[in-house]
Amino acid sequence: MSPKDPEQQPTEAPAESLQEQQAEAVAAEQNALEPQAADTGSADQQRVAELELALSQAEQRATDAADQAVRAVAEMENVRRRAAAEVDKAHKFALEKFANELLTTVDNLERALTMTATAEQQEGLASFVEGIELTHKGLLSTLQRFGVEAVGAVGENFNPELHQAMAMQPSDEQPNNSVLAVLQKGYTLQGRLLRPAMVMVVKNS
């Protein structure tokens, strides 16, 4: 059969056309998939960014909450210390007014002892003076147990926080600015001044 036989030529053209159509279809499918893949990648990146932002915000909230908890604990500890200090102060100084009233009794007993010192040898006074001394010592002992201490003694340096200078006088026996005489004792309660000692102070030129 001759190559130019007209019956053979019509069968070759449809085969080539089919292959071209298949190639075009594959190309079109690839072109359609490429934008879809690009859109999927962009959506994934956006989702990751959103998750990272949410994680960062959650971490910041956790940090803020931890800071607030630390500050709350510190404030509670400060309140506890202040309350304990107030209770301790109340315990120490609850007797302040009462102790001040007792000091008048102490003063009176000491004046009685001073007045009877020169008359102790007189008949009938020895037991009386002894009773006053015992009462005086017992009262001072009771005050000491509750933190009341006497201040002001001859020879110690003048302290304006504890002493009240009633007069000044020169002295050859005591150094300058020292206590020459105690006119009335002072007292402290748990270290806090109840009343100052009234003293005479040495003032040498």
N, C-alpha and C. Protein backbone atom coordinates (compact mmCIF):
# COMPACT_ATOMS: atom_id res chain seq x y z
N MET A 1 0.86 -1.20 0.00
CA MET A 1 0.00 0.00 0.00
C MET A 1 0.87 1.22 0.00
N SER A 2 0.55 2.23 -0.76
CA SER A 2 1.36 3.44 -0.92
C SER A 2 1.15 4.37 0.26
N PRO A 3 2.28 5.09 0.76
CA PRO A 3 2.16 6.04 1.88
C PRO A 3 1.16 7.12 1.59
N LYS A 4 0.90 7.36 0.31
CA LYS A 4 -0.05 8.43 -0.02
C LYS A 4 -1.46 7.91 -0.17
N ASP A 5 -1.63 6.72 0.41
CA ASP A 5 -2.98 6.15 0.30
C ASP A 5 -3.94 7.02 1.08
N PRO A 6 -4.97 7.51 0.51
CA PRO A 6 -5.89 8.44 1.19
C PRO A 6 -6.60 7.82 2.35
N GLU A 7 -6.67 6.49 2.47
CA GLU A 7 -7.40 5.88 3.56
C GLU A 7 -6.62 5.92 4.88
N GLN A 8 -5.25 6.07 4.83
CA GLN A 8 -4.43 6.08 6.05
C GLN A 8 -4.35 7.44 6.68
N GLN A 9 -4.39 8.54 6.02
CA GLN A 9 -4.17 9.89 6.56
C GLN A 9 -5.24 10.33 7.55
N PRO A 10 -6.48 10.08 7.43
CA PRO A 10 -7.48 10.56 8.39
C PRO A 10 -7.35 9.94 9.76
N THR A 11 -6.71 8.71 9.93
CA THR A 11 -6.62 8.06 11.23
C THR A 11 -5.53 8.63 12.09
N GLU A 12 -4.48 9.30 11.59
CA GLU A 12 -3.36 9.86 12.36
C GLU A 12 -3.74 11.18 13.02
N ALA A 13 -4.51 11.97 12.44
CA ALA A 13 -4.83 13.31 12.98
C ALA A 13 -5.59 13.25 14.29
N PRO A 14 -6.57 12.39 14.48
CA PRO A 14 -7.27 12.36 15.78
C PRO A 14 -6.37 11.95 16.92
N ALA A 15 -5.37 11.06 16.72
CA ALA A 15 -4.45 10.64 17.81
C ALA A 15 -3.63 11.79 18.29
N GLU A 16 -3.08 12.55 17.37
CA GLU A 16 -2.27 13.72 17.77
C GLU A 16 -3.13 14.73 18.50
N SER A 17 -4.33 14.93 18.06
CA SER A 17 -5.22 15.88 18.69
C SER A 17 -5.56 15.45 20.11
N LEU A 18 -5.72 14.15 20.33
CA LEU A 18 -6.03 13.64 21.68
C LEU A 18 -4.88 13.87 22.64
N GLN A 19 -3.66 13.65 22.18
CA GLN A 19 -2.48 13.87 23.04
C GLN A 19 -2.36 15.34 23.42
N GLU A 20 -2.61 16.21 22.47
CA GLU A 20 -2.53 17.64 22.75
C GLU A 20 -3.59 18.05 23.78
N GLN A 21 -4.77 17.48 23.63
CA GLN A 21 -5.83 17.80 24.57
C GLN A 21 -5.47 17.34 25.99
N GLN A 22 -4.85 16.13 26.07
CA GLN A 22 -4.45 15.62 27.39
C GLN A 22 -3.38 16.50 28.02
N ALA A 23 -2.43 16.93 27.19
CA ALA A 23 -1.35 17.80 27.69
C ALA A 23 -1.91 19.12 28.18
N GLU A 24 -2.84 19.67 27.40
CA GLU A 24 -3.45 20.94 27.81
C GLU A 24 -4.23 20.78 29.11
N ALA A 25 -4.89 19.63 29.27
CA ALA A 25 -5.65 19.40 30.49
C ALA A 25 -4.74 19.31 31.71
N VAL A 26 -3.61 18.60 31.57
CA VAL A 26 -2.65 18.48 32.67
C VAL A 26 -2.10 19.85 33.05
N ALA A 27 -1.75 20.64 32.03
CA ALA A 27 -1.21 21.98 32.27
C ALA A 27 -2.23 22.86 32.98
N ALA A 28 -3.46 22.74 32.53
CA ALA A 28 -4.51 23.55 33.16
C ALA A 28 -4.71 23.15 34.62
N GLU A 29 -4.64 21.84 34.89
CA GLU A 29 -4.81 21.37 36.27
C GLU A 29 -3.67 21.86 37.17
N GLN A 30 -2.44 21.83 36.64
CA GLN A 30 -1.29 22.32 37.40
C GLN A 30 -1.44 23.82 37.69
N ASN A 31 -1.86 24.55 36.65
CA ASN A 31 -2.04 26.00 36.84
C ASN A 31 -3.13 26.29 37.88
N ALA A 32 -4.11 25.45 37.93
CA ALA A 32 -5.19 25.66 38.91
C ALA A 32 -4.73 25.31 40.32
N LEU A 33 -3.83 24.31 40.47
CA LEU A 33 -3.36 23.90 41.78
C LEU A 33 -2.36 24.87 42.38
N GLU A 34 -1.56 25.54 41.58
CA GLU A 34 -0.50 26.44 42.09
C GLU A 34 -1.09 27.58 42.93
N PRO A 35 -2.10 28.32 42.52
CA PRO A 35 -2.68 29.37 43.40
C PRO A 35 -3.28 28.80 44.67
N GLN A 36 -3.88 27.56 44.54
CA GLN A 36 -4.48 26.95 45.72
C GLN A 36 -3.41 26.61 46.75
N ALA A 37 -2.25 26.10 46.31
CA ALA A 37 -1.14 25.79 47.22
C ALA A 37 -0.60 27.06 47.86
N ALA A 38 -0.50 28.11 47.06
CA ALA A 38 -0.01 29.39 47.60
C ALA A 38 -0.96 29.92 48.66
N ASP A 39 -2.28 29.79 48.40
CA ASP A 39 -3.27 30.26 49.37
C ASP A 39 -3.19 29.44 50.65
N THR A 40 -2.97 28.12 50.55
CA THR A 40 -2.87 27.27 51.73
C THR A 40 -1.65 27.64 52.56
N GLY A 41 -0.50 27.89 51.93
CA GLY A 41 0.71 28.29 52.66
C GLY A 41 0.53 29.61 53.37
N SER A 42 -0.12 30.56 52.73
CA SER A 42 -0.36 31.86 53.36
C SER A 42 -1.29 31.72 54.57
N ALA A 43 -2.30 30.88 54.48
CA ALA A 43 -3.21 30.67 55.60
C ALA A 43 -2.50 30.02 56.78
N ASP A 44 -1.60 29.06 56.50
CA ASP A 44 -0.84 28.41 57.56
C ASP A 44 0.05 29.42 58.29
N GLN A 45 0.71 30.27 57.54
CA GLN A 45 1.59 31.28 58.15
C GLN A 45 0.79 32.25 59.03
N GLN A 46 -0.39 32.62 58.56
CA GLN A 46 -1.23 33.53 59.33
C GLN A 46 -1.69 32.86 60.63
N ARG A 47 -2.03 31.58 60.54
CA ARG A 47 -2.46 30.83 61.73
C ARG A 47 -1.33 30.72 62.74
N VAL A 48 -0.10 30.45 62.24
CA VAL A 48 1.05 30.36 63.12
C VAL A 48 1.30 31.71 63.81
N ALA A 49 1.18 32.78 63.05
CA ALA A 49 1.38 34.11 63.64
C ALA A 49 0.35 34.39 64.72
N GLU A 50 -0.92 33.99 64.47
CA GLU A 50 -1.96 34.20 65.46
C GLU A 50 -1.69 33.39 66.72
N LEU A 51 -1.23 32.15 66.56
CA LEU A 51 -0.93 31.32 67.72
C LEU A 51 0.25 31.88 68.52
N GLU A 52 1.27 32.38 67.82
CA GLU A 52 2.42 32.98 68.52
C GLU A 52 1.99 34.21 69.30
N LEU A 53 1.12 35.03 68.72
CA LEU A 53 0.62 36.22 69.42
C LEU A 53 -0.18 35.83 70.66
N ALA A 54 -1.04 34.82 70.51
CA ALA A 54 -1.83 34.36 71.65
C ALA A 54 -0.93 33.81 72.75
N LEU A 55 0.12 33.06 72.38
CA LEU A 55 1.05 32.53 73.37
C LEU A 55 1.79 33.65 74.09
N SER A 56 2.22 34.66 73.33
CA SER A 56 2.91 35.79 73.95
C SER A 56 2.01 36.52 74.94
N GLN A 57 0.74 36.71 74.56
CA GLN A 57 -0.20 37.38 75.46
C GLN A 57 -0.46 36.55 76.71
N ALA A 58 -0.57 35.24 76.54
CA ALA A 58 -0.79 34.36 77.70
C ALA A 58 0.41 34.39 78.64
N GLU A 59 1.63 34.39 78.09
CA GLU A 59 2.83 34.46 78.92
C GLU A 59 2.89 35.78 79.68
N GLN A 60 2.50 36.88 79.01
CA GLN A 60 2.51 38.19 79.67
C GLN A 60 1.50 38.22 80.81
N ARG A 61 0.31 37.63 80.58
CA ARG A 61 -0.69 37.58 81.65
C ARG A 61 -0.21 36.74 82.83
N ALA A 62 0.48 35.64 82.53
CA ALA A 62 1.02 34.79 83.60
C ALA A 62 2.08 35.55 84.40
N THR A 63 2.94 36.31 83.69
CA THR A 63 3.97 37.09 84.38
C THR A 63 3.34 38.15 85.27
N ASP A 64 2.31 38.85 84.74
CA ASP A 64 1.63 39.88 85.53
C ASP A 64 0.97 39.27 86.77
N ALA A 65 0.35 38.11 86.59
CA ALA A 65 -0.31 37.45 87.73
C ALA A 65 0.70 37.05 88.78
N ALA A 66 1.87 36.55 88.34
CA ALA A 66 2.91 36.16 89.30
C ALA A 66 3.42 37.37 90.06
N ASP A 67 3.61 38.50 89.36
CA ASP A 67 4.06 39.73 90.03
C ASP A 67 3.03 40.20 91.06
N GLN A 68 1.76 40.15 90.69
CA GLN A 68 0.71 40.56 91.62
C GLN A 68 0.67 39.65 92.85
N ALA A 69 0.90 38.36 92.63
CA ALA A 69 0.90 37.42 93.76
C ALA A 69 2.07 37.72 94.70
N VAL A 70 3.24 38.01 94.13
CA VAL A 70 4.41 38.33 94.96
C VAL A 70 4.15 39.60 95.76
N ARG A 71 3.58 40.62 95.12
CA ARG A 71 3.29 41.87 95.83
C ARG A 71 2.24 41.65 96.92
N ALA A 72 1.25 40.81 96.63
CA ALA A 72 0.23 40.54 97.63
C ALA A 72 0.82 39.84 98.85
N VAL A 73 1.71 38.88 98.61
CA VAL A 73 2.36 38.17 99.73
C VAL A 73 3.21 39.14 100.55
N ALA A 74 3.95 40.02 99.86
CA ALA A 74 4.79 40.99 100.57
C ALA A 74 3.93 41.94 101.40
N GLU A 75 2.81 42.39 100.84
CA GLU A 75 1.93 43.29 101.57
C GLU A 75 1.32 42.60 102.79
N MET A 76 0.94 41.34 102.63
CA MET A 76 0.41 40.60 103.76
C MET A 76 1.45 40.44 104.86
N GLU A 77 2.71 40.22 104.48
CA GLU A 77 3.77 40.09 105.47
C GLU A 77 3.99 41.41 106.19
N ASN A 78 3.93 42.52 105.44
CA ASN A 78 4.07 43.84 106.07
C ASN A 78 2.93 44.10 107.05
N VAL A 79 1.72 43.75 106.66
CA VAL A 79 0.57 43.93 107.55
C VAL A 79 0.73 43.08 108.81
N ARG A 80 1.21 41.85 108.62
CA ARG A 80 1.39 40.96 109.78
C ARG A 80 2.43 41.54 110.74
N ARG A 81 3.55 42.06 110.17
CA ARG A 81 4.59 42.63 111.03
C ARG A 81 4.08 43.87 111.76
N ARG A 82 3.33 44.73 111.04
CA ARG A 82 2.80 45.92 111.69
C ARG A 82 1.83 45.56 112.80
N ALA A 83 0.99 44.57 112.53
CA ALA A 83 0.02 44.14 113.55
C ALA A 83 0.74 43.57 114.77
N ALA A 84 1.78 42.76 114.52
CA ALA A 84 2.54 42.19 115.64
C ALA A 84 3.22 43.29 116.44
N ALA A 85 3.75 44.31 115.74
CA ALA A 85 4.40 45.42 116.44
C ALA A 85 3.39 46.21 117.28
N GLU A 86 2.19 46.41 116.73
CA GLU A 86 1.16 47.14 117.48
C GLU A 86 0.72 46.35 118.72
N VAL A 87 0.59 45.04 118.56
CA VAL A 87 0.20 44.21 119.72
C VAL A 87 1.29 44.26 120.78
N ASP A 88 2.55 44.14 120.34
CA ASP A 88 3.66 44.18 121.28
C ASP A 88 3.72 45.54 121.99
N LYS A 89 3.50 46.61 121.23
CA LYS A 89 3.49 47.95 121.83
C LYS A 89 2.35 48.09 122.83
N ALA A 90 1.19 47.55 122.48
CA ALA A 90 0.05 47.62 123.40
C ALA A 90 0.33 46.87 124.69
N HIS A 91 0.98 45.71 124.57
CA HIS A 91 1.33 44.94 125.76
C HIS A 91 2.32 45.71 126.64
N LYS A 92 3.30 46.34 126.00
CA LYS A 92 4.35 47.01 126.75
C LYS A 92 3.84 48.25 127.48
N PHE A 93 2.98 49.01 126.82
CA PHE A 93 2.62 50.33 127.35
C PHE A 93 1.18 50.41 127.85
N ALA A 94 0.52 49.26 128.02
CA ALA A 94 -0.85 49.28 128.55
C ALA A 94 -0.89 49.80 129.97
N LEU A 95 0.20 49.63 130.72
CA LEU A 95 0.24 50.04 132.13
C LEU A 95 0.81 51.45 132.33
N GLU A 96 0.97 52.18 131.23
CA GLU A 96 1.64 53.48 131.35
C GLU A 96 0.92 54.43 132.31
N LYS A 97 -0.39 54.58 132.13
CA LYS A 97 -1.15 55.49 132.99
C LYS A 97 -1.15 55.00 134.43
N PHE A 98 -1.34 53.69 134.60
CA PHE A 98 -1.37 53.12 135.94
C PHE A 98 -0.02 53.29 136.63
N ALA A 99 1.07 53.05 135.89
CA ALA A 99 2.41 53.20 136.46
C ALA A 99 2.66 54.65 136.88
N ASN A 100 2.20 55.60 136.06
CA ASN A 100 2.37 57.00 136.42
C ASN A 100 1.68 57.33 137.74
N GLU A 101 0.52 56.74 137.96
CA GLU A 101 -0.19 56.99 139.21
C GLU A 101 0.58 56.40 140.40
N LEU A 102 1.20 55.23 140.20
CA LEU A 102 1.94 54.61 141.30
C LEU A 102 3.19 55.39 141.66
N LEU A 103 3.74 56.13 140.71
CA LEU A 103 4.97 56.88 140.99
C LEU A 103 4.74 57.91 142.10
N THR A 104 3.55 58.44 142.18
CA THR A 104 3.25 59.39 143.26
C THR A 104 3.36 58.71 144.62
N THR A 105 2.92 57.47 144.70
CA THR A 105 3.04 56.72 145.95
C THR A 105 4.50 56.45 146.28
N VAL A 106 5.27 56.12 145.26
CA VAL A 106 6.71 55.90 145.47
C VAL A 106 7.36 57.17 146.00
N ASP A 107 7.02 58.32 145.41
CA ASP A 107 7.58 59.59 145.86
C ASP A 107 7.23 59.86 147.33
N ASN A 108 6.00 59.60 147.69
CA ASN A 108 5.58 59.85 149.08
C ASN A 108 6.33 58.94 150.05
N LEU A 109 6.52 57.70 149.68
CA LEU A 109 7.27 56.79 150.55
C LEU A 109 8.71 57.24 150.70
N GLU A 110 9.30 57.70 149.60
CA GLU A 110 10.70 58.16 149.68
C GLU A 110 10.81 59.42 150.53
N ARG A 111 9.84 60.30 150.44
CA ARG A 111 9.86 61.50 151.31
C ARG A 111 9.71 61.11 152.78
N ALA A 112 8.87 60.13 153.05
CA ALA A 112 8.71 59.68 154.43
C ALA A 112 10.00 59.08 154.96
N LEU A 113 10.69 58.34 154.13
CA LEU A 113 11.97 57.75 154.54
C LEU A 113 13.00 58.84 154.82
N THR A 114 13.00 59.88 154.00
CA THR A 114 13.94 60.98 154.20
C THR A 114 13.66 61.71 155.51
N MET A 115 12.40 61.91 155.80
CA MET A 115 12.03 62.64 157.01
C MET A 115 12.32 61.84 158.27
N THR A 116 12.23 60.52 158.21
CA THR A 116 12.43 59.70 159.41
C THR A 116 13.87 59.23 159.57
N ALA A 117 14.72 59.53 158.58
CA ALA A 117 16.09 59.02 158.64
C ALA A 117 16.82 59.55 159.87
N THR A 118 16.58 60.79 160.23
CA THR A 118 17.28 61.37 161.37
C THR A 118 16.64 61.00 162.69
N ALA A 119 15.45 60.38 162.63
CA ALA A 119 14.76 60.06 163.87
C ALA A 119 14.66 58.56 164.12
N GLU A 120 15.45 57.78 163.41
CA GLU A 120 15.36 56.32 163.52
C GLU A 120 15.73 55.84 164.92
N GLN A 121 16.60 56.58 165.60
CA GLN A 121 17.03 56.14 166.93
C GLN A 121 16.00 56.43 168.01
N GLN A 122 15.00 57.23 167.68
CA GLN A 122 13.98 57.54 168.68
C GLN A 122 13.13 56.29 168.95
N GLU A 123 12.74 56.18 170.16
CA GLU A 123 12.00 54.99 170.59
C GLU A 123 10.66 54.89 169.85
N GLY A 124 10.39 53.71 169.32
CA GLY A 124 9.12 53.44 168.66
C GLY A 124 9.11 53.72 167.17
N LEU A 125 10.16 54.36 166.62
CA LEU A 125 10.17 54.69 165.20
C LEU A 125 10.87 53.64 164.34
N ALA A 126 11.68 52.82 164.93
CA ALA A 126 12.48 51.87 164.15
C ALA A 126 11.58 50.91 163.35
N SER A 127 10.58 50.35 164.00
CA SER A 127 9.69 49.42 163.31
C SER A 127 8.84 50.15 162.27
N PHE A 128 8.50 51.39 162.56
CA PHE A 128 7.71 52.19 161.62
C PHE A 128 8.51 52.45 160.34
N VAL A 129 9.77 52.85 160.52
CA VAL A 129 10.64 53.11 159.37
C VAL A 129 10.88 51.83 158.57
N GLU A 130 11.04 50.73 159.28
CA GLU A 130 11.27 49.46 158.61
C GLU A 130 10.06 49.08 157.75
N GLY A 131 8.87 49.35 158.26
CA GLY A 131 7.67 49.06 157.48
C GLY A 131 7.58 49.90 156.21
N ILE A 132 7.97 51.17 156.34
CA ILE A 132 7.97 52.04 155.15
C ILE A 132 8.98 51.54 154.13
N GLU A 133 10.17 51.14 154.60
CA GLU A 133 11.21 50.66 153.69
C GLU A 133 10.76 49.40 152.96
N LEU A 134 10.13 48.49 153.68
CA LEU A 134 9.65 47.26 153.05
C LEU A 134 8.56 47.56 152.01
N THR A 135 7.68 48.48 152.34
CA THR A 135 6.63 48.85 151.39
C THR A 135 7.24 49.48 150.14
N HIS A 136 8.21 50.35 150.36
CA HIS A 136 8.89 51.03 149.25
C HIS A 136 9.61 50.02 148.35
N LYS A 137 10.34 49.09 148.96
CA LYS A 137 11.06 48.09 148.17
C LYS A 137 10.11 47.16 147.42
N GLY A 138 9.02 46.79 148.07
CA GLY A 138 8.04 45.92 147.39
C GLY A 138 7.39 46.59 146.22
N LEU A 139 7.08 47.87 146.36
CA LEU A 139 6.45 48.60 145.27
C LEU A 139 7.41 48.76 144.09
N LEU A 140 8.67 49.09 144.40
CA LEU A 140 9.67 49.21 143.33
C LEU A 140 9.88 47.88 142.62
N SER A 141 9.90 46.79 143.38
CA SER A 141 10.08 45.47 142.79
C SER A 141 8.93 45.12 141.85
N THR A 142 7.71 45.47 142.27
CA THR A 142 6.54 45.21 141.41
C THR A 142 6.63 46.02 140.12
N LEU A 143 7.01 47.28 140.23
CA LEU A 143 7.15 48.13 139.04
C LEU A 143 8.22 47.58 138.11
N GLN A 144 9.32 47.11 138.67
CA GLN A 144 10.41 46.58 137.84
C GLN A 144 9.97 45.35 137.06
N ARG A 145 9.14 44.52 137.67
CA ARG A 145 8.66 43.32 136.97
C ARG A 145 7.84 43.67 135.74
N PHE A 146 7.24 44.85 135.73
CA PHE A 146 6.44 45.29 134.58
C PHE A 146 7.20 46.28 133.70
N GLY A 147 8.52 46.34 133.87
CA GLY A 147 9.35 47.14 132.97
C GLY A 147 9.55 48.58 133.36
N VAL A 148 9.19 48.95 134.60
CA VAL A 148 9.39 50.33 135.06
C VAL A 148 10.74 50.42 135.75
N GLU A 149 11.60 51.31 135.26
CA GLU A 149 12.94 51.47 135.81
C GLU A 149 13.18 52.93 136.19
N ALA A 150 13.89 53.14 137.30
CA ALA A 150 14.23 54.49 137.74
C ALA A 150 15.43 55.01 136.96
N VAL A 151 15.43 56.31 136.67
CA VAL A 151 16.56 56.97 136.01
C VAL A 151 16.91 58.22 136.81
N GLY A 152 18.17 58.60 136.69
CA GLY A 152 18.64 59.78 137.41
C GLY A 152 19.44 59.40 138.62
N ALA A 153 20.75 59.57 138.53
CA ALA A 153 21.64 59.24 139.65
C ALA A 153 22.74 60.29 139.71
N VAL A 154 23.20 60.56 140.91
CA VAL A 154 24.27 61.54 141.10
C VAL A 154 25.53 61.06 140.41
N GLY A 155 26.18 61.97 139.68
CA GLY A 155 27.44 61.65 139.02
C GLY A 155 27.32 61.29 137.56
N GLU A 156 26.15 60.88 137.10
CA GLU A 156 26.03 60.53 135.68
C GLU A 156 25.91 61.79 134.84
N ASN A 157 26.24 61.66 133.57
CA ASN A 157 26.19 62.81 132.67
C ASN A 157 24.75 63.26 132.45
N PHE A 158 24.58 64.56 132.34
CA PHE A 158 23.25 65.11 132.10
C PHE A 158 22.77 64.69 130.71
N ASN A 159 21.57 64.13 130.66
CA ASN A 159 20.97 63.69 129.39
C ASN A 159 19.61 64.35 129.26
N PRO A 160 19.45 65.28 128.32
CA PRO A 160 18.18 66.01 128.20
C PRO A 160 17.00 65.10 127.85
N GLU A 161 17.28 63.89 127.34
CA GLU A 161 16.19 62.97 127.03
C GLU A 161 15.66 62.27 128.28
N LEU A 162 16.47 62.28 129.36
CA LEU A 162 16.07 61.61 130.60
C LEU A 162 15.97 62.55 131.79
N HIS A 163 16.69 63.67 131.70
CA HIS A 163 16.78 64.58 132.85
C HIS A 163 16.15 65.93 132.53
N GLN A 164 15.63 66.54 133.57
CA GLN A 164 15.14 67.92 133.48
C GLN A 164 15.95 68.76 134.47
N ALA A 165 16.73 69.69 133.94
CA ALA A 165 17.60 70.51 134.79
C ALA A 165 16.76 71.55 135.52
N MET A 166 16.77 71.46 136.87
CA MET A 166 16.02 72.40 137.68
C MET A 166 16.89 73.54 138.17
N ALA A 167 18.21 73.29 138.25
CA ALA A 167 19.14 74.32 138.71
C ALA A 167 20.54 73.91 138.28
N MET A 168 21.45 74.90 138.28
CA MET A 168 22.86 74.66 137.96
C MET A 168 23.72 75.22 139.08
N GLN A 169 24.79 74.49 139.36
CA GLN A 169 25.63 74.89 140.47
C GLN A 169 27.05 74.38 140.24
N PRO A 170 28.05 75.18 140.56
CA PRO A 170 29.44 74.70 140.41
C PRO A 170 29.77 73.67 141.49
N SER A 171 30.74 72.84 141.17
CA SER A 171 31.14 71.80 142.11
C SER A 171 32.59 71.42 141.86
N ASP A 172 33.33 71.25 142.96
CA ASP A 172 34.71 70.79 142.87
C ASP A 172 34.80 69.27 142.86
N GLU A 173 33.73 68.59 143.21
CA GLU A 173 33.75 67.14 143.33
C GLU A 173 33.20 66.43 142.09
N GLN A 174 32.37 67.11 141.31
CA GLN A 174 31.75 66.49 140.14
C GLN A 174 32.20 67.21 138.87
N PRO A 175 32.34 66.46 137.76
CA PRO A 175 32.73 67.10 136.49
C PRO A 175 31.62 67.97 135.94
N ASN A 176 32.00 68.85 135.04
CA ASN A 176 31.04 69.76 134.44
C ASN A 176 29.97 68.98 133.67
N ASN A 177 28.75 69.47 133.71
CA ASN A 177 27.60 68.90 132.99
C ASN A 177 27.22 67.50 133.50
N SER A 178 27.50 67.26 134.77
CA SER A 178 27.07 66.01 135.39
C SER A 178 25.97 66.32 136.42
N VAL A 179 25.32 65.26 136.90
CA VAL A 179 24.23 65.43 137.85
C VAL A 179 24.82 65.59 139.26
N LEU A 180 24.54 66.74 139.86
CA LEU A 180 25.04 67.02 141.20
C LEU A 180 24.07 66.49 142.27
N ALA A 181 22.79 66.59 142.01
CA ALA A 181 21.79 66.10 142.97
C ALA A 181 20.52 65.75 142.21
N VAL A 182 19.80 64.74 142.74
CA VAL A 182 18.53 64.32 142.15
C VAL A 182 17.41 64.81 143.06
N LEU A 183 16.62 65.74 142.54
CA LEU A 183 15.52 66.29 143.32
C LEU A 183 14.29 65.38 143.28
N GLN A 184 14.11 64.73 142.14
CA GLN A 184 13.03 63.74 142.01
C GLN A 184 13.43 62.74 140.91
N LYS A 185 13.32 61.47 141.24
CA LYS A 185 13.72 60.44 140.27
C LYS A 185 12.80 60.44 139.05
N GLY A 186 13.39 60.04 137.93
CA GLY A 186 12.61 59.82 136.71
C GLY A 186 12.39 58.33 136.51
N TYR A 187 11.49 57.99 135.61
CA TYR A 187 11.19 56.58 135.37
C TYR A 187 10.92 56.34 133.89
N THR A 188 11.27 55.14 133.44
CA THR A 188 10.97 54.70 132.09
C THR A 188 10.10 53.45 132.15
N LEU A 189 9.31 53.24 131.11
CA LEU A 189 8.50 52.04 130.97
C LEU A 189 8.90 51.35 129.67
N GLN A 190 9.50 50.17 129.80
CA GLN A 190 9.99 49.42 128.63
C GLN A 190 10.88 50.30 127.75
N GLY A 191 11.72 51.12 128.41
CA GLY A 191 12.65 51.97 127.67
C GLY A 191 12.08 53.31 127.25
N ARG A 192 10.77 53.51 127.38
CA ARG A 192 10.17 54.79 127.00
C ARG A 192 9.97 55.64 128.25
N LEU A 193 10.29 56.91 128.14
CA LEU A 193 10.26 57.80 129.30
C LEU A 193 8.84 58.01 129.80
N LEU A 194 8.65 57.72 131.10
CA LEU A 194 7.39 58.06 131.76
C LEU A 194 7.43 59.50 132.26
N ARG A 195 8.52 59.83 132.93
CA ARG A 195 8.73 61.20 133.37
C ARG A 195 10.22 61.41 133.55
N PRO A 196 10.72 62.62 133.29
CA PRO A 196 12.15 62.87 133.43
C PRO A 196 12.54 63.06 134.90
N ALA A 197 13.80 62.79 135.17
CA ALA A 197 14.32 63.04 136.52
C ALA A 197 14.60 64.52 136.69
N MET A 198 14.17 65.08 137.80
CA MET A 198 14.47 66.47 138.10
C MET A 198 15.81 66.54 138.83
N VAL A 199 16.78 67.21 138.21
CA VAL A 199 18.14 67.17 138.73
C VAL A 199 18.76 68.55 138.82
N MET A 200 19.81 68.62 139.61
CA MET A 200 20.67 69.78 139.67
C MET A 200 21.95 69.45 138.89
N VAL A 201 22.35 70.34 138.01
CA VAL A 201 23.44 70.03 137.09
C VAL A 201 24.66 70.87 137.46
N VAL A 202 25.83 70.25 137.34
CA VAL A 202 27.10 70.95 137.62
C VAL A 202 27.40 71.90 136.48
N LYS A 203 27.68 73.12 136.83
CA LYS A 203 28.04 74.13 135.81
C LYS A 203 29.28 74.86 136.30
N ASN A 204 30.45 74.34 135.93
CA ASN A 204 31.71 74.98 136.34
C ASN A 204 32.14 75.96 135.27
N SER A 205 32.68 77.08 135.74
CA SER A 205 33.13 78.12 134.80
C SER A 205 34.44 77.69 134.17
